[in-house]
């Protein structure tokens, strides 16, 4: 398992939080209970199983919705 923090470009509205959470939680290998989108900080924090999903998969799911991932940090749990 790994922990990721993704810094996004500024989130425009609170509904963006819900869209991003839904998309990330839909990925196989993401611990749904760990997904937190921080509106004011424009960050996504989550835990994921790197044998099932890559950080690139997570980034792609966010960028496909039109949000820019500016920086990503990944740590082992």
C-alpha atoms as a PDB file:
ATOM      1  CA  UNK A   1       0.000   0.000   0.000  1.00  0.00           C
ATOM      2  CA  UNK A   2       1.044   3.548  -0.711  1.00  0.00           C
ATOM      3  CA  UNK A   3      -0.183   6.983   0.301  1.00  0.00           C
ATOM      4  CA  UNK A   4      -0.460   9.708  -2.324  1.00  0.00           C
ATOM      5  CA  UNK A   5      -0.983  13.445  -2.126  1.00  0.00           C
ATOM      6  CA  UNK A   6      -1.816  15.148  -5.405  1.00  0.00           C
ATOM      7  CA  UNK A   7      -1.633  18.927  -5.668  1.00  0.00           C
ATOM      8  CA  UNK A   8      -4.183  20.185  -8.173  1.00  0.00           C
ATOM      9  CA  UNK A   9      -4.640  23.462  -9.933  1.00  0.00           C
ATOM     10  CA  UNK A  10      -7.190  25.595  -8.092  1.00  0.00           C
ATOM     11  CA  UNK A  11     -10.553  23.889  -7.634  1.00  0.00           C
ATOM     12  CA  UNK A  12     -13.335  26.162  -8.842  1.00  0.00           C
ATOM     13  CA  UNK A  13     -16.272  24.928  -6.767  1.00  0.00           C
ATOM     14  CA  UNK A  14     -17.288  22.445  -4.059  1.00  0.00           C
ATOM     15  CA  UNK A  15     -18.989  20.227  -6.644  1.00  0.00           C
ATOM     16  CA  UNK A  16     -15.526  19.614  -8.125  1.00  0.00           C
ATOM     17  CA  UNK A  17     -14.665  17.853  -4.868  1.00  0.00           C
ATOM     18  CA  UNK A  18     -17.527  15.403  -5.306  1.00  0.00           C
ATOM     19  CA  UNK A  19     -16.667  14.699  -8.950  1.00  0.00           C
ATOM     20  CA  UNK A  20     -13.027  13.991  -8.169  1.00  0.00           C
ATOM     21  CA  UNK A  21     -13.869  11.820  -5.149  1.00  0.00           C
ATOM     22  CA  UNK A  22     -16.315   9.755  -7.204  1.00  0.00           C
ATOM     23  CA  UNK A  23     -13.845   9.213 -10.056  1.00  0.00           C
ATOM     24  CA  UNK A  24     -10.927   8.274  -7.802  1.00  0.00           C
ATOM     25  CA  UNK A  25     -13.035   5.947  -5.643  1.00  0.00           C
ATOM     26  CA  UNK A  26     -14.155   4.114  -8.802  1.00  0.00           C
ATOM     27  CA  UNK A  27     -10.584   2.949  -9.459  1.00  0.00           C
ATOM     28  CA  UNK A  28      -9.870  -0.628  -8.421  1.00  0.00           C
ATOM     29  CA  UNK A  29      -7.132  -0.608  -5.815  1.00  0.00           C
ATOM     30  CA  UNK A  30      -7.999   2.714  -4.191  1.00  0.00           C
ATOM     31  CA  UNK A  31      -8.963   2.535  -0.508  1.00  0.00           C
ATOM     32  CA  UNK A  32     -12.294   4.382  -0.701  1.00  0.00           C
ATOM     33  CA  UNK A  33     -12.280   5.290   3.001  1.00  0.00           C
ATOM     34  CA  UNK A  34      -8.966   7.095   2.563  1.00  0.00           C
ATOM     35  CA  UNK A  35      -9.978   9.432  -0.296  1.00  0.00           C
ATOM     36  CA  UNK A  36     -10.103  13.069   0.826  1.00  0.00           C
ATOM     37  CA  UNK A  37     -10.321  16.036  -1.526  1.00  0.00           C
ATOM     38  CA  UNK A  38      -9.386  19.256   0.253  1.00  0.00           C
ATOM     39  CA  UNK A  39     -11.187  22.107  -1.514  1.00  0.00           C
ATOM     40  CA  UNK A  40      -9.319  25.054   0.028  1.00  0.00           C
ATOM     41  CA  UNK A  41      -5.908  23.422  -0.406  1.00  0.00           C
ATOM     42  CA  UNK A  42      -6.715  21.931  -3.854  1.00  0.00           C
ATOM     43  CA  UNK A  43      -5.282  18.571  -2.782  1.00  0.00           C
ATOM     44  CA  UNK A  44      -6.323  14.944  -3.045  1.00  0.00           C
ATOM     45  CA  UNK A  45      -5.084  12.490  -0.421  1.00  0.00           C
ATOM     46  CA  UNK A  46      -5.594   8.739  -0.662  1.00  0.00           C
ATOM     47  CA  UNK A  47      -4.193   5.293   0.002  1.00  0.00           C
ATOM     48  CA  UNK A  48      -3.894   2.794  -2.839  1.00  0.00           C
ATOM     49  CA  UNK A  49      -2.690  -0.703  -3.619  1.00  0.00           C
ATOM     50  CA  UNK A  50       0.101  -0.196  -6.149  1.00  0.00           C
ATOM     51  CA  UNK A  51      -0.241  -3.787  -7.359  1.00  0.00           C
ATOM     52  CA  UNK A  52      -3.737  -2.923  -8.682  1.00  0.00           C
ATOM     53  CA  UNK A  53      -3.536   0.741  -9.671  1.00  0.00           C
ATOM     54  CA  UNK A  54      -0.679   3.134 -10.425  1.00  0.00           C
ATOM     55  CA  UNK A  55      -0.343   6.734  -9.405  1.00  0.00           C
ATOM     56  CA  UNK A  56      -0.410   7.529 -13.134  1.00  0.00           C
ATOM     57  CA  UNK A  57      -3.854   5.874 -13.382  1.00  0.00           C
ATOM     58  CA  UNK A  58      -5.065   8.090 -10.557  1.00  0.00           C
ATOM     59  CA  UNK A  59      -3.595  11.209 -12.170  1.00  0.00           C
ATOM     60  CA  UNK A  60      -5.155  10.292 -15.533  1.00  0.00           C
ATOM     61  CA  UNK A  61      -8.612   9.858 -14.007  1.00  0.00           C
ATOM     62  CA  UNK A  62      -8.354  13.397 -12.627  1.00  0.00           C
ATOM     63  CA  UNK A  63      -6.911  15.008 -15.764  1.00  0.00           C
ATOM     64  CA  UNK A  64      -9.581  13.363 -17.972  1.00  0.00           C
ATOM     65  CA  UNK A  65     -12.135  15.427 -16.041  1.00  0.00           C
ATOM     66  CA  UNK A  66     -10.289  18.625 -16.909  1.00  0.00           C
ATOM     67  CA  UNK A  67      -8.294  19.197 -13.719  1.00  0.00           C
ATOM     68  CA  UNK A  68      -4.533  19.719 -13.772  1.00  0.00           C
ATOM     69  CA  UNK A  69      -2.340  17.696 -11.417  1.00  0.00           C
ATOM     70  CA  UNK A  70       0.576  19.982 -10.618  1.00  0.00           C
ATOM     71  CA  UNK A  71       2.566  17.803  -8.214  1.00  0.00           C
ATOM     72  CA  UNK A  72       2.325  14.300  -6.752  1.00  0.00           C
ATOM     73  CA  UNK A  73       3.961  12.825  -3.673  1.00  0.00           C
ATOM     74  CA  UNK A  74       3.870   9.078  -2.984  1.00  0.00           C
ATOM     75  CA  UNK A  75       4.988   7.348   0.217  1.00  0.00           C
ATOM     76  CA  UNK A  76       4.989   3.731   1.356  1.00  0.00           C
ATOM     77  CA  UNK A  77       2.598   2.893   4.178  1.00  0.00           C
END
